[in-house]
Amino acid sequence: MERVISEPVVVEWGAPGTPTAFRWRQRQYRIAEVLSDVREPDYRRNWRLRRHRRRLVVHTDEGRWFELYA
């Protein structure tokens, strides 16, 4: 079952740009594998203020997967 939950998470980063874990709802999740890492331009802003959003699809060491936006 998929559902969107718009809540903040805190991502821990390891080697250059590699996520290693994240904290959500007072629980720590270790990332076993990054399945997808895509940077998308944020077209809602003026081109001078534009930054890229980052979408990560990760697989945890417990066998769950999450889609995170940064």
Protein backbone atom coordinates (compact mmCIF):
# COMPACT_ATOMS: atom_id res chain seq x y z
CA MET A 1 0.00 0.00 0.00
CA GLU A 2 1.39 3.39 -1.00
CA ARG A 3 0.48 6.66 0.66
CA VAL A 4 1.94 10.13 0.82
CA ILE A 5 2.88 11.41 4.26
CA SER A 6 4.05 14.99 4.21
CA GLU A 7 6.14 15.09 7.37
CA PRO A 8 9.72 16.26 7.94
CA VAL A 9 12.55 13.76 8.21
CA VAL A 10 16.19 14.30 9.18
CA VAL A 11 18.63 12.62 6.79
CA GLU A 12 22.16 11.64 7.87
CA TRP A 13 24.74 11.88 5.10
CA GLY A 14 27.92 9.84 4.77
CA ALA A 15 30.37 9.92 1.86
CA PRO A 16 29.83 12.85 -0.53
CA GLY A 17 26.08 13.05 -1.05
CA THR A 18 25.29 9.51 0.11
CA PRO A 19 22.47 9.11 2.64
CA THR A 20 23.18 6.57 5.39
CA ALA A 21 20.12 6.89 7.64
CA PHE A 22 17.10 9.04 8.40
CA ARG A 23 14.97 9.82 11.45
CA TRP A 24 11.18 9.92 11.14
CA ARG A 25 8.65 10.00 14.00
CA GLN A 26 11.37 9.54 16.64
CA ARG A 27 12.63 6.38 14.95
CA GLN A 28 15.97 5.80 13.23
CA TYR A 29 16.03 3.97 9.87
CA ARG A 30 19.32 2.72 8.42
CA ILE A 31 19.54 2.89 4.64
CA ALA A 32 20.76 -0.37 3.11
CA GLU A 33 20.50 0.72 -0.54
CA VAL A 34 19.68 3.81 -2.56
CA LEU A 35 17.39 2.66 -5.38
CA SER A 36 17.05 6.05 -7.07
CA ASP A 37 18.61 9.48 -6.66
CA VAL A 38 17.13 12.14 -8.97
CA ARG A 39 17.58 15.91 -8.91
CA GLU A 40 14.64 17.81 -10.40
CA PRO A 41 14.49 21.57 -11.08
CA ASP A 42 11.88 23.40 -9.04
CA TYR A 43 9.97 25.27 -11.76
CA ARG A 44 7.67 26.98 -9.26
CA ARG A 45 10.32 29.65 -8.62
CA ASN A 46 11.80 32.37 -10.76
CA TRP A 47 14.84 31.06 -12.67
CA ARG A 48 17.24 33.19 -10.57
CA LEU A 49 15.92 31.76 -7.32
CA ARG A 50 15.45 28.23 -8.60
CA ARG A 51 17.07 25.31 -6.83
CA HIS A 52 16.89 21.60 -7.47
CA ARG A 53 14.75 19.25 -5.43
CA ARG A 54 16.25 15.88 -4.69
CA ARG A 55 14.13 12.72 -4.73
CA LEU A 56 15.57 9.62 -3.09
CA VAL A 57 14.05 6.16 -3.13
CA VAL A 58 15.72 4.10 -0.41
CA HIS A 59 15.55 0.56 0.92
CA THR A 60 16.08 0.14 4.67
CA ASP A 61 17.88 -2.67 6.45
CA GLU A 62 14.44 -3.80 7.73
CA GLY A 63 13.18 -4.42 4.18
CA ARG A 64 10.98 -1.32 3.89
CA TRP A 65 11.33 1.32 1.17
CA PHE A 66 10.71 5.05 1.36
CA GLU A 67 10.62 7.94 -1.09
CA LEU A 68 12.25 11.03 0.45
CA TYR A 69 12.35 14.60 -0.87
CA ALA A 70 15.10 17.03 0.03
